[in-house]
Amino acid sequence: MRRDDRVDFYRITVEPDKLDGKPCIRGLRITVETVVRLIAAGRSFDEILADYPDLEREDITQSLEYAAAATNVRLYRLQEPA
């Protein structure tokens, strides 16, 4: 998936005329936001895949990676208390 310093989100599509241009998975009407919210609510990959049979495991993984990249997440080491 990584080429140089770029990440190729080949499973994530954005179409201006579909779902208000929200990032979706492989052109389906399933948004990255939906998948991330399901994970945040405690749903397992297997539960999501059972409820959304058009999804594949890698779709879920790439949705989480996309969401992390979209928020520009950085980890910072916290200082130890003095």
PDB file of N, CA and C in Angstrom:
ATOM      1  N   MET A   1       0.811  -1.181   0.000  1.00  0.00           N
ATOM      2  CA  MET A   1       0.000   0.000   0.000  1.00  0.00           C
ATOM      3  C   MET A   1       0.862   1.255   0.000  1.00  0.00           C
ATOM      4  N   ARG A   2       2.012   1.242   0.650  1.00  0.00           N
ATOM      5  CA  ARG A   2       2.875   2.427   0.683  1.00  0.00           C
ATOM      6  C   ARG A   2       3.776   2.455  -0.530  1.00  0.00           C
ATOM      7  N   ARG A   3       3.791   3.619  -1.149  1.00  0.00           N
ATOM      8  CA  ARG A   3       4.711   3.867  -2.253  1.00  0.00           C
ATOM      9  C   ARG A   3       5.412   5.167  -1.937  1.00  0.00           C
ATOM     10  N   ASP A   4       6.690   5.099  -1.735  1.00  0.00           N
ATOM     11  CA  ASP A   4       7.452   6.259  -1.278  1.00  0.00           C
ATOM     12  C   ASP A   4       6.876   6.699   0.070  1.00  0.00           C
ATOM     13  N   ASP A   5       6.492   7.967   0.200  1.00  0.00           N
ATOM     14  CA  ASP A   5       5.904   8.456   1.442  1.00  0.00           C
ATOM     15  C   ASP A   5       4.398   8.667   1.312  1.00  0.00           C
ATOM     16  N   ARG A   6       3.808   8.180   0.249  1.00  0.00           N
ATOM     17  CA  ARG A   6       2.370   8.326   0.046  1.00  0.00           C
ATOM     18  C   ARG A   6       1.672   7.036   0.428  1.00  0.00           C
ATOM     19  N   VAL A   7       0.427   7.157   0.794  1.00  0.00           N
ATOM     20  CA  VAL A   7      -0.395   5.994   1.051  1.00  0.00           C
ATOM     21  C   VAL A   7      -1.440   5.932  -0.050  1.00  0.00           C
ATOM     22  N   ASP A   8      -1.555   4.794  -0.685  1.00  0.00           N
ATOM     23  CA  ASP A   8      -2.499   4.620  -1.780  1.00  0.00           C
ATOM     24  C   ASP A   8      -3.784   4.004  -1.229  1.00  0.00           C
ATOM     25  N   PHE A   9      -4.784   4.845  -1.027  1.00  0.00           N
ATOM     26  CA  PHE A   9      -6.078   4.370  -0.528  1.00  0.00           C
ATOM     27  C   PHE A   9      -6.924   3.928  -1.723  1.00  0.00           C
ATOM     28  N   TYR A  10      -6.543   2.820  -2.329  1.00  0.00           N
ATOM     29  CA  TYR A  10      -7.180   2.378  -3.562  1.00  0.00           C
ATOM     30  C   TYR A  10      -8.592   1.851  -3.343  1.00  0.00           C
ATOM     31  N   ARG A  11      -8.993   1.609  -2.111  1.00  0.00           N
ATOM     32  CA  ARG A  11     -10.354   1.154  -1.829  1.00  0.00           C
ATOM     33  C   ARG A  11     -11.293   2.300  -1.457  1.00  0.00           C
ATOM     34  N   ILE A  12     -10.756   3.479  -1.296  1.00  0.00           N
ATOM     35  CA  ILE A  12     -11.554   4.636  -0.900  1.00  0.00           C
ATOM     36  C   ILE A  12     -11.819   5.490  -2.147  1.00  0.00           C
ATOM     37  N   THR A  13     -13.092   5.792  -2.379  1.00  0.00           N
ATOM     38  CA  THR A  13     -13.471   6.599  -3.532  1.00  0.00           C
ATOM     39  C   THR A  13     -14.256   7.818  -3.062  1.00  0.00           C
ATOM     40  N   VAL A  14     -14.132   8.890  -3.833  1.00  0.00           N
ATOM     41  CA  VAL A  14     -14.895  10.107  -3.566  1.00  0.00           C
ATOM     42  C   VAL A  14     -15.527  10.522  -4.887  1.00  0.00           C
ATOM     43  N   GLU A  15     -16.852  10.549  -4.877  1.00  0.00           N
ATOM     44  CA  GLU A  15     -17.597  10.954  -6.063  1.00  0.00           C
ATOM     45  C   GLU A  15     -18.521  12.099  -5.647  1.00  0.00           C
ATOM     46  N   PRO A  16     -18.327  13.288  -6.233  1.00  0.00           N
ATOM     47  CA  PRO A  16     -19.097  14.461  -5.825  1.00  0.00           C
ATOM     48  C   PRO A  16     -20.615  14.256  -5.870  1.00  0.00           C
ATOM     49  N   ASP A  17     -21.094  13.430  -6.790  1.00  0.00           N
ATOM     50  CA  ASP A  17     -22.540  13.244  -6.934  1.00  0.00           C
ATOM     51  C   ASP A  17     -23.086  12.070  -6.112  1.00  0.00           C
ATOM     52  N   LYS A  18     -22.241  11.445  -5.316  1.00  0.00           N
ATOM     53  CA  LYS A  18     -22.678  10.313  -4.496  1.00  0.00           C
ATOM     54  C   LYS A  18     -22.452  10.626  -3.025  1.00  0.00           C
ATOM     55  N   LEU A  19     -23.517  10.584  -2.228  1.00  0.00           N
ATOM     56  CA  LEU A  19     -23.455  10.809  -0.781  1.00  0.00           C
ATOM     57  C   LEU A  19     -22.725  12.108  -0.430  1.00  0.00           C
ATOM     58  N   ASP A  20     -23.029  13.154  -1.174  1.00  0.00           N
ATOM     59  CA  ASP A  20     -22.444  14.482  -0.944  1.00  0.00           C
ATOM     60  C   ASP A  20     -20.919  14.487  -1.008  1.00  0.00           C
ATOM     61  N   GLY A  21     -20.345  13.582  -1.765  1.00  0.00           N
ATOM     62  CA  GLY A  21     -18.897  13.554  -1.927  1.00  0.00           C
ATOM     63  C   GLY A  21     -18.139  12.982  -0.749  1.00  0.00           C
ATOM     64  N   LYS A  22     -18.840  12.312   0.169  1.00  0.00           N
ATOM     65  CA  LYS A  22     -18.156  11.700   1.314  1.00  0.00           C
ATOM     66  C   LYS A  22     -17.310  10.522   0.838  1.00  0.00           C
ATOM     67  N   PRO A  23     -16.172  10.290   1.481  1.00  0.00           N
ATOM     68  CA  PRO A  23     -15.348   9.138   1.115  1.00  0.00           C
ATOM     69  C   PRO A  23     -16.131   7.841   1.347  1.00  0.00           C
ATOM     70  N   CYS A  24     -16.183   7.032   0.306  1.00  0.00           N
ATOM     71  CA  CYS A  24     -16.898   5.761   0.351  1.00  0.00           C
ATOM     72  C   CYS A  24     -15.926   4.614   0.074  1.00  0.00           C
ATOM     73  N   ILE A  25     -16.431   3.430   0.233  1.00  0.00           N
ATOM     74  CA  ILE A  25     -15.617   2.247   0.012  1.00  0.00           C
ATOM     75  C   ILE A  25     -15.941   1.659  -1.352  1.00  0.00           C
ATOM     76  N   ARG A  26     -14.936   1.639  -2.219  1.00  0.00           N
ATOM     77  CA  ARG A  26     -15.013   1.042  -3.550  1.00  0.00           C
ATOM     78  C   ARG A  26     -16.242   1.449  -4.341  1.00  0.00           C
ATOM     79  N   GLY A  27     -16.673   2.698  -4.213  1.00  0.00           N
ATOM     80  CA  GLY A  27     -17.812   3.180  -4.970  1.00  0.00           C
ATOM     81  C   GLY A  27     -19.154   2.721  -4.426  1.00  0.00           C
ATOM     82  N   LEU A  28     -19.145   1.955  -3.356  1.00  0.00           N
ATOM     83  CA  LEU A  28     -20.384   1.519  -2.731  1.00  0.00           C
ATOM     84  C   LEU A  28     -20.991   2.687  -1.966  1.00  0.00           C
ATOM     85  N   ARG A  29     -22.204   2.568  -1.577  1.00  0.00           N
ATOM     86  CA  ARG A  29     -22.845   3.611  -0.766  1.00  0.00           C
ATOM     87  C   ARG A  29     -22.641   3.302   0.724  1.00  0.00           C
ATOM     88  N   ILE A  30     -21.429   2.950   1.043  1.00  0.00           N
ATOM     89  CA  ILE A  30     -21.021   2.710   2.431  1.00  0.00           C
ATOM     90  C   ILE A  30     -19.847   3.652   2.683  1.00  0.00           C
ATOM     91  N   THR A  31     -20.043   4.595   3.591  1.00  0.00           N
ATOM     92  CA  THR A  31     -19.009   5.604   3.816  1.00  0.00           C
ATOM     93  C   THR A  31     -17.949   5.123   4.806  1.00  0.00           C
ATOM     94  N   VAL A  32     -16.799   5.740   4.694  1.00  0.00           N
ATOM     95  CA  VAL A  32     -15.730   5.512   5.668  1.00  0.00           C
ATOM     96  C   VAL A  32     -16.250   5.871   7.055  1.00  0.00           C
ATOM     97  N   GLU A  33     -16.995   6.953   7.135  1.00  0.00           N
ATOM     98  CA  GLU A  33     -17.550   7.393   8.418  1.00  0.00           C
ATOM     99  C   GLU A  33     -18.414   6.306   9.051  1.00  0.00           C
ATOM    100  N   THR A  34     -19.245   5.651   8.266  1.00  0.00           N
ATOM    101  CA  THR A  34     -20.095   4.584   8.786  1.00  0.00           C
ATOM    102  C   THR A  34     -19.258   3.477   9.406  1.00  0.00           C
ATOM    103  N   VAL A  35     -18.230   3.055   8.700  1.00  0.00           N
ATOM    104  CA  VAL A  35     -17.372   1.970   9.191  1.00  0.00           C
ATOM    105  C   VAL A  35     -16.652   2.387  10.469  1.00  0.00           C
ATOM    106  N   VAL A  36     -16.108   3.596  10.486  1.00  0.00           N
ATOM    107  CA  VAL A  36     -15.386   4.069  11.669  1.00  0.00           C
ATOM    108  C   VAL A  36     -16.328   4.174  12.865  1.00  0.00           C
ATOM    109  N   ARG A  37     -17.530   4.670  12.644  1.00  0.00           N
ATOM    110  CA  ARG A  37     -18.497   4.767  13.742  1.00  0.00           C
ATOM    111  C   ARG A  37     -18.897   3.386  14.268  1.00  0.00           C
ATOM    112  N   LEU A  38     -19.025   2.418  13.393  1.00  0.00           N
ATOM    113  CA  LEU A  38     -19.347   1.054  13.833  1.00  0.00           C
ATOM    114  C   LEU A  38     -18.230   0.484  14.704  1.00  0.00           C
ATOM    115  N   ILE A  39     -17.001   0.697  14.291  1.00  0.00           N
ATOM    116  CA  ILE A  39     -15.854   0.233  15.087  1.00  0.00           C
ATOM    117  C   ILE A  39     -15.838   0.959  16.432  1.00  0.00           C
ATOM    118  N   ALA A  40     -16.058   2.264  16.407  1.00  0.00           N
ATOM    119  CA  ALA A  40     -16.057   3.049  17.645  1.00  0.00           C
ATOM    120  C   ALA A  40     -17.164   2.600  18.596  1.00  0.00           C
ATOM    121  N   ALA A  41     -18.243   2.096  18.047  1.00  0.00           N
ATOM    122  CA  ALA A  41     -19.360   1.621  18.864  1.00  0.00           C
ATOM    123  C   ALA A  41     -19.127   0.216  19.413  1.00  0.00           C
ATOM    124  N   GLY A  42     -17.976  -0.361  19.056  1.00  0.00           N
ATOM    125  CA  GLY A  42     -17.632  -1.664  19.612  1.00  0.00           C
ATOM    126  C   GLY A  42     -17.946  -2.853  18.721  1.00  0.00           C
ATOM    127  N   ARG A  43     -18.369  -2.598  17.492  1.00  0.00           N
ATOM    128  CA  ARG A  43     -18.664  -3.701  16.580  1.00  0.00           C
ATOM    129  C   ARG A  43     -17.363  -4.327  16.105  1.00  0.00           C
ATOM    130  N   SER A  44     -17.351  -5.626  15.987  1.00  0.00           N
ATOM    131  CA  SER A  44     -16.166  -6.337  15.501  1.00  0.00           C
ATOM    132  C   SER A  44     -16.162  -6.342  13.970  1.00  0.00           C
ATOM    133  N   PHE A  45     -15.008  -6.630  13.395  1.00  0.00           N
ATOM    134  CA  PHE A  45     -14.917  -6.751  11.948  1.00  0.00           C
ATOM    135  C   PHE A  45     -15.931  -7.782  11.456  1.00  0.00           C
ATOM    136  N   ASP A  46     -15.998  -8.919  12.126  1.00  0.00           N
ATOM    137  CA  ASP A  46     -16.901  -9.990  11.699  1.00  0.00           C
ATOM    138  C   ASP A  46     -18.358  -9.554  11.738  1.00  0.00           C
ATOM    139  N   GLU A  47     -18.750  -8.795  12.747  1.00  0.00           N
ATOM    140  CA  GLU A  47     -20.127  -8.301  12.830  1.00  0.00           C
ATOM    141  C   GLU A  47     -20.430  -7.344  11.683  1.00  0.00           C
ATOM    142  N   ILE A  48     -19.484  -6.459  11.386  1.00  0.00           N
ATOM    143  CA  ILE A  48     -19.675  -5.506  10.295  1.00  0.00           C
ATOM    144  C   ILE A  48     -19.773  -6.240   8.963  1.00  0.00           C
ATOM    145  N   LEU A  49     -18.904  -7.210   8.767  1.00  0.00           N
ATOM    146  CA  LEU A  49     -18.925  -7.969   7.511  1.00  0.00           C
ATOM    147  C   LEU A  49     -20.223  -8.752   7.356  1.00  0.00           C
ATOM    148  N   ALA A  50     -20.778  -9.235   8.444  1.00  0.00           N
ATOM    149  CA  ALA A  50     -22.053  -9.958   8.385  1.00  0.00           C
ATOM    150  C   ALA A  50     -23.198  -9.013   8.026  1.00  0.00           C
ATOM    151  N   ASP A  51     -23.156  -7.788   8.553  1.00  0.00           N
ATOM    152  CA  ASP A  51     -24.215  -6.809   8.292  1.00  0.00           C
ATOM    153  C   ASP A  51     -24.084  -6.132   6.921  1.00  0.00           C
ATOM    154  N   TYR A  52     -22.876  -6.072   6.417  1.00  0.00           N
ATOM    155  CA  TYR A  52     -22.597  -5.431   5.132  1.00  0.00           C
ATOM    156  C   TYR A  52     -21.858  -6.425   4.236  1.00  0.00           C
ATOM    157  N   PRO A  53     -22.573  -7.351   3.607  1.00  0.00           N
ATOM    158  CA  PRO A  53     -21.921  -8.430   2.847  1.00  0.00           C
ATOM    159  C   PRO A  53     -21.085  -7.967   1.655  1.00  0.00           C
ATOM    160  N   ASP A  54     -21.289  -6.726   1.197  1.00  0.00           N
ATOM    161  CA  ASP A  54     -20.465  -6.220   0.089  1.00  0.00           C
ATOM    162  C   ASP A  54     -19.074  -5.798   0.543  1.00  0.00           C
ATOM    163  N   LEU A  55     -18.890  -5.636   1.839  1.00  0.00           N
ATOM    164  CA  LEU A  55     -17.585  -5.228   2.369  1.00  0.00           C
ATOM    165  C   LEU A  55     -16.638  -6.412   2.478  1.00  0.00           C
ATOM    166  N   GLU A  56     -15.368  -6.094   2.432  1.00  0.00           N
ATOM    167  CA  GLU A  56     -14.295  -7.065   2.666  1.00  0.00           C
ATOM    168  C   GLU A  56     -13.467  -6.571   3.844  1.00  0.00           C
ATOM    169  N   ARG A  57     -12.792  -7.486   4.488  1.00  0.00           N
ATOM    170  CA  ARG A  57     -11.997  -7.151   5.672  1.00  0.00           C
ATOM    171  C   ARG A  57     -11.035  -5.991   5.392  1.00  0.00           C
ATOM    172  N   GLU A  58     -10.390  -6.007   4.244  1.00  0.00           N
ATOM    173  CA  GLU A  58      -9.437  -4.950   3.906  1.00  0.00           C
ATOM    174  C   GLU A  58     -10.122  -3.590   3.749  1.00  0.00           C
ATOM    175  N   ASP A  59     -11.410  -3.582   3.388  1.00  0.00           N
ATOM    176  CA  ASP A  59     -12.157  -2.324   3.321  1.00  0.00           C
ATOM    177  C   ASP A  59     -12.216  -1.668   4.691  1.00  0.00           C
ATOM    178  N   ILE A  60     -12.440  -2.477   5.710  1.00  0.00           N
ATOM    179  CA  ILE A  60     -12.527  -1.947   7.072  1.00  0.00           C
ATOM    180  C   ILE A  60     -11.169  -1.412   7.514  1.00  0.00           C
ATOM    181  N   THR A  61     -10.140  -2.197   7.273  1.00  0.00           N
ATOM    182  CA  THR A  61      -8.787  -1.781   7.649  1.00  0.00           C
ATOM    183  C   THR A  61      -8.408  -0.482   6.950  1.00  0.00           C
ATOM    184  N   GLN A  62      -8.681  -0.405   5.656  1.00  0.00           N
ATOM    185  CA  GLN A  62      -8.306   0.798   4.928  1.00  0.00           C
ATOM    186  C   GLN A  62      -9.153   1.996   5.345  1.00  0.00           C
ATOM    187  N   SER A  63     -10.393   1.774   5.745  1.00  0.00           N
ATOM    188  CA  SER A  63     -11.218   2.867   6.263  1.00  0.00           C
ATOM    189  C   SER A  63     -10.604   3.462   7.524  1.00  0.00           C
ATOM    190  N   LEU A  64     -10.132   2.607   8.411  1.00  0.00           N
ATOM    191  CA  LEU A  64      -9.493   3.089   9.637  1.00  0.00           C
ATOM    192  C   LEU A  64      -8.193   3.819   9.326  1.00  0.00           C
ATOM    193  N   GLU A  65      -7.408   3.295   8.387  1.00  0.00           N
ATOM    194  CA  GLU A  65      -6.166   3.958   7.994  1.00  0.00           C
ATOM    195  C   GLU A  65      -6.454   5.317   7.364  1.00  0.00           C
ATOM    196  N   TYR A  66      -7.495   5.381   6.542  1.00  0.00           N
ATOM    197  CA  TYR A  66      -7.871   6.642   5.906  1.00  0.00           C
ATOM    198  C   TYR A  66      -8.312   7.671   6.950  1.00  0.00           C
ATOM    199  N   ALA A  67      -9.114   7.225   7.893  1.00  0.00           N
ATOM    200  CA  ALA A  67      -9.587   8.132   8.948  1.00  0.00           C
ATOM    201  C   ALA A  67      -8.415   8.661   9.767  1.00  0.00           C
ATOM    202  N   ALA A  68      -7.470   7.805  10.074  1.00  0.00           N
ATOM    203  CA  ALA A  68      -6.294   8.242  10.828  1.00  0.00           C
ATOM    204  C   ALA A  68      -5.487   9.253  10.021  1.00  0.00           C
ATOM    205  N   ALA A  69      -5.296   8.987   8.742  1.00  0.00           N
ATOM    206  CA  ALA A  69      -4.545   9.917   7.892  1.00  0.00           C
ATOM    207  C   ALA A  69      -5.295  11.236   7.741  1.00  0.00           C
ATOM    208  N   ALA A  70      -6.609  11.171   7.653  1.00  0.00           N
ATOM    209  CA  ALA A  70      -7.407  12.385   7.467  1.00  0.00           C
ATOM    210  C   ALA A  70      -7.359  13.297   8.684  1.00  0.00           C
ATOM    211  N   THR A  71      -7.117  12.730   9.846  1.00  0.00           N
ATOM    212  CA  THR A  71      -7.016  13.552  11.050  1.00  0.00           C
ATOM    213  C   THR A  71      -5.576  13.942  11.345  1.00  0.00           C
ATOM    214  N   ASN A  72      -4.659  13.488  10.507  1.00  0.00           N
ATOM    215  CA  ASN A  72      -3.239  13.812  10.656  1.00  0.00           C
ATOM    216  C   ASN A  72      -2.753  13.471  12.060  1.00  0.00           C
ATOM    217  N   VAL A  73      -3.040  12.269  12.478  1.00  0.00           N
ATOM    218  CA  VAL A  73      -2.707  11.813  13.824  1.00  0.00           C
ATOM    219  C   VAL A  73      -1.194  11.706  13.984  1.00  0.00           C
ATOM    220  N   ARG A  74      -0.706  12.283  15.071  1.00  0.00           N
ATOM    221  CA  ARG A  74       0.713  12.156  15.424  1.00  0.00           C
ATOM    222  C   ARG A  74       0.788  11.730  16.874  1.00  0.00           C
ATOM    223  N   LEU A  75       1.749  10.915  17.180  1.00  0.00           N
ATOM    224  CA  LEU A  75       1.947  10.482  18.557  1.00  0.00           C
ATOM    225  C   LEU A  75       3.057  11.315  19.182  1.00  0.00           C
ATOM    226  N   TYR A  76       2.818  11.784  20.365  1.00  0.00           N
ATOM    227  CA  TYR A  76       3.806  12.571  21.095  1.00  0.00           C
ATOM    228  C   TYR A  76       4.091  11.891  22.416  1.00  0.00           C
ATOM    229  N   ARG A  77       5.333  11.843  22.763  1.00  0.00           N
ATOM    230  CA  ARG A  77       5.716  11.262  24.052  1.00  0.00           C
ATOM    231  C   ARG A  77       5.363  12.250  25.154  1.00  0.00           C
ATOM    232  N   LEU A  78       4.635  11.796  26.130  1.00  0.00           N
ATOM    233  CA  LEU A  78       4.280  12.650  27.259  1.00  0.00           C
ATOM    234  C   LEU A  78       5.418  12.695  28.245  1.00  0.00           C
ATOM    235  N   GLN A  79       5.591  13.829  28.874  1.00  0.00           N
ATOM    236  CA  GLN A  79       6.652  13.970  29.862  1.00  0.00           C
ATOM    237  C   GLN A  79       6.243  13.263  31.151  1.00  0.00           C
ATOM    238  N   GLU A  80       7.220  12.692  31.784  1.00  0.00           N
ATOM    239  CA  GLU A  80       6.987  12.067  33.085  1.00  0.00           C
ATOM    240  C   GLU A  80       6.752  13.168  34.111  1.00  0.00           C
ATOM    241  N   PRO A  81       5.861  12.943  35.087  1.00  0.00           N
ATOM    242  CA  PRO A  81       5.683  13.955  36.125  1.00  0.00           C
ATOM    243  C   PRO A  81       6.987  14.162  36.897  1.00  0.00           C
ATOM    244  N   ALA A  82       7.228  15.394  37.300  1.00  0.00           N
ATOM    245  CA  ALA A  82       8.482  15.715  37.999  1.00  0.00           C
ATOM    246  C   ALA A  82       8.486  15.149  39.399  1.00  0.00           C
TER     247      ALA A  82
END
